[in-house]
N, C-alpha and C. Protein backbone atom coordinates (compact mmCIF):
# COMPACT_ATOMS: atom_id res chain seq x y z
N UNK A 1 -3.48 -6.02 -9.87
CA UNK A 1 -3.33 -5.00 -8.81
C UNK A 1 -4.30 -5.31 -7.68
N UNK A 2 -3.91 -6.24 -6.82
CA UNK A 2 -4.80 -6.64 -5.73
C UNK A 2 -4.87 -5.61 -4.62
N UNK A 3 -3.80 -4.81 -4.46
CA UNK A 3 -3.77 -3.87 -3.33
C UNK A 3 -4.77 -2.73 -3.47
N UNK A 4 -5.24 -2.47 -4.70
CA UNK A 4 -6.11 -1.31 -4.91
C UNK A 4 -7.45 -1.47 -4.20
N UNK A 5 -7.90 -2.72 -4.01
CA UNK A 5 -9.19 -2.91 -3.35
C UNK A 5 -9.12 -2.63 -1.85
N UNK A 6 -7.90 -2.58 -1.30
CA UNK A 6 -7.73 -2.30 0.13
C UNK A 6 -7.73 -0.81 0.43
N UNK A 7 -7.49 0.01 -0.61
CA UNK A 7 -7.40 1.45 -0.37
C UNK A 7 -8.67 2.07 0.18
N UNK A 8 -9.86 1.79 -0.39
CA UNK A 8 -11.08 2.37 0.20
C UNK A 8 -11.30 1.89 1.63
N UNK A 9 -10.93 0.65 1.92
CA UNK A 9 -11.09 0.12 3.28
C UNK A 9 -10.20 0.85 4.27
N UNK A 10 -8.96 1.12 3.86
CA UNK A 10 -8.03 1.82 4.75
C UNK A 10 -8.45 3.27 4.96
N UNK A 11 -8.96 3.91 3.88
CA UNK A 11 -9.35 5.31 3.98
C UNK A 11 -10.61 5.46 4.84
N UNK A 12 -11.52 4.49 4.74
CA UNK A 12 -12.78 4.59 5.47
C UNK A 12 -12.60 4.31 6.96
N UNK A 13 -11.49 3.67 7.30
CA UNK A 13 -11.21 3.40 8.72
C UNK A 13 -10.83 4.67 9.45
N UNK A 14 -10.97 4.67 10.78
CA UNK A 14 -10.45 5.80 11.57
C UNK A 14 -8.95 5.95 11.32
N UNK A 15 -8.52 7.15 11.07
CA UNK A 15 -7.13 7.38 10.69
C UNK A 15 -6.23 7.20 11.90
N UNK A 16 -5.82 5.94 12.12
CA UNK A 16 -4.98 5.62 13.28
C UNK A 16 -3.58 5.22 12.86
N UNK A 17 -2.80 4.82 13.83
CA UNK A 17 -1.41 4.45 13.56
C UNK A 17 -1.35 3.16 12.74
N UNK A 18 -2.27 2.25 13.01
CA UNK A 18 -2.24 0.96 12.31
C UNK A 18 -2.55 1.14 10.83
N UNK A 19 -3.50 2.01 10.50
CA UNK A 19 -3.84 2.23 9.10
C UNK A 19 -2.71 2.92 8.36
N UNK A 20 -2.02 3.83 9.05
CA UNK A 20 -0.88 4.52 8.43
C UNK A 20 0.24 3.52 8.17
N UNK A 21 0.48 2.64 9.13
CA UNK A 21 1.54 1.65 8.99
C UNK A 21 1.20 0.67 7.87
N UNK A 22 -0.06 0.27 7.77
CA UNK A 22 -0.48 -0.65 6.71
C UNK A 22 -0.37 0.02 5.35
N UNK A 23 -0.78 1.29 5.26
CA UNK A 23 -0.70 2.02 4.01
C UNK A 23 0.75 2.20 3.58
N UNK A 24 1.63 2.47 4.54
CA UNK A 24 3.06 2.62 4.26
C UNK A 24 3.65 1.29 3.80
N UNK A 25 3.19 0.19 4.39
CA UNK A 25 3.67 -1.14 4.02
C UNK A 25 3.24 -1.49 2.60
N UNK A 26 1.98 -1.20 2.25
CA UNK A 26 1.49 -1.46 0.90
C UNK A 26 2.22 -0.58 -0.11
N UNK A 27 2.51 0.67 0.26
CA UNK A 27 3.23 1.58 -0.62
C UNK A 27 4.65 1.09 -0.88
N UNK A 28 5.29 0.54 0.16
CA UNK A 28 6.62 -0.02 -0.01
C UNK A 28 6.60 -1.24 -0.91
N UNK A 29 5.59 -2.08 -0.80
CA UNK A 29 5.46 -3.24 -1.68
C UNK A 29 5.27 -2.79 -3.12
N UNK A 30 4.49 -1.72 -3.32
CA UNK A 30 4.27 -1.19 -4.66
C UNK A 30 5.56 -0.65 -5.25
N UNK A 31 6.33 0.10 -4.46
CA UNK A 31 7.60 0.65 -4.93
C UNK A 31 8.58 -0.46 -5.26
N UNK A 32 8.59 -1.51 -4.45
CA UNK A 32 9.50 -2.63 -4.66
C UNK A 32 9.18 -3.36 -5.96
N UNK A 33 7.90 -3.57 -6.23
CA UNK A 33 7.50 -4.25 -7.46
C UNK A 33 7.80 -3.39 -8.67
N UNK A 34 7.58 -2.08 -8.55
CA UNK A 34 7.89 -1.17 -9.64
C UNK A 34 9.39 -1.12 -9.91
N UNK A 35 10.19 -1.14 -8.83
CA UNK A 35 11.64 -1.09 -8.97
C UNK A 35 12.18 -2.35 -9.62
N UNK A 36 11.65 -3.50 -9.22
CA UNK A 36 12.12 -4.76 -9.81
C UNK A 36 11.71 -4.86 -11.27
N UNK A 37 10.52 -4.35 -11.61
CA UNK A 37 10.09 -4.39 -13.01
C UNK A 37 10.91 -3.41 -13.84
N UNK A 38 11.34 -2.31 -13.23
CA UNK A 38 12.11 -1.31 -13.96
C UNK A 38 13.54 -1.78 -14.22
N UNK A 39 14.11 -2.53 -13.26
CA UNK A 39 15.50 -2.95 -13.39
C UNK A 39 15.65 -4.22 -14.22
N UNK A 40 14.58 -5.02 -14.32
CA UNK A 40 14.69 -6.27 -15.04
C UNK A 40 14.64 -6.04 -16.55
């Protein structure tokens, strides 16, 4: 789970549009990996 180390960094940053977009992108990657593991 490499993405978990980025969470404190994103939260500690000023809550801007870029951090929201990055967090949404990481969340989509997480959902995609979970979905592929669930269907396989």
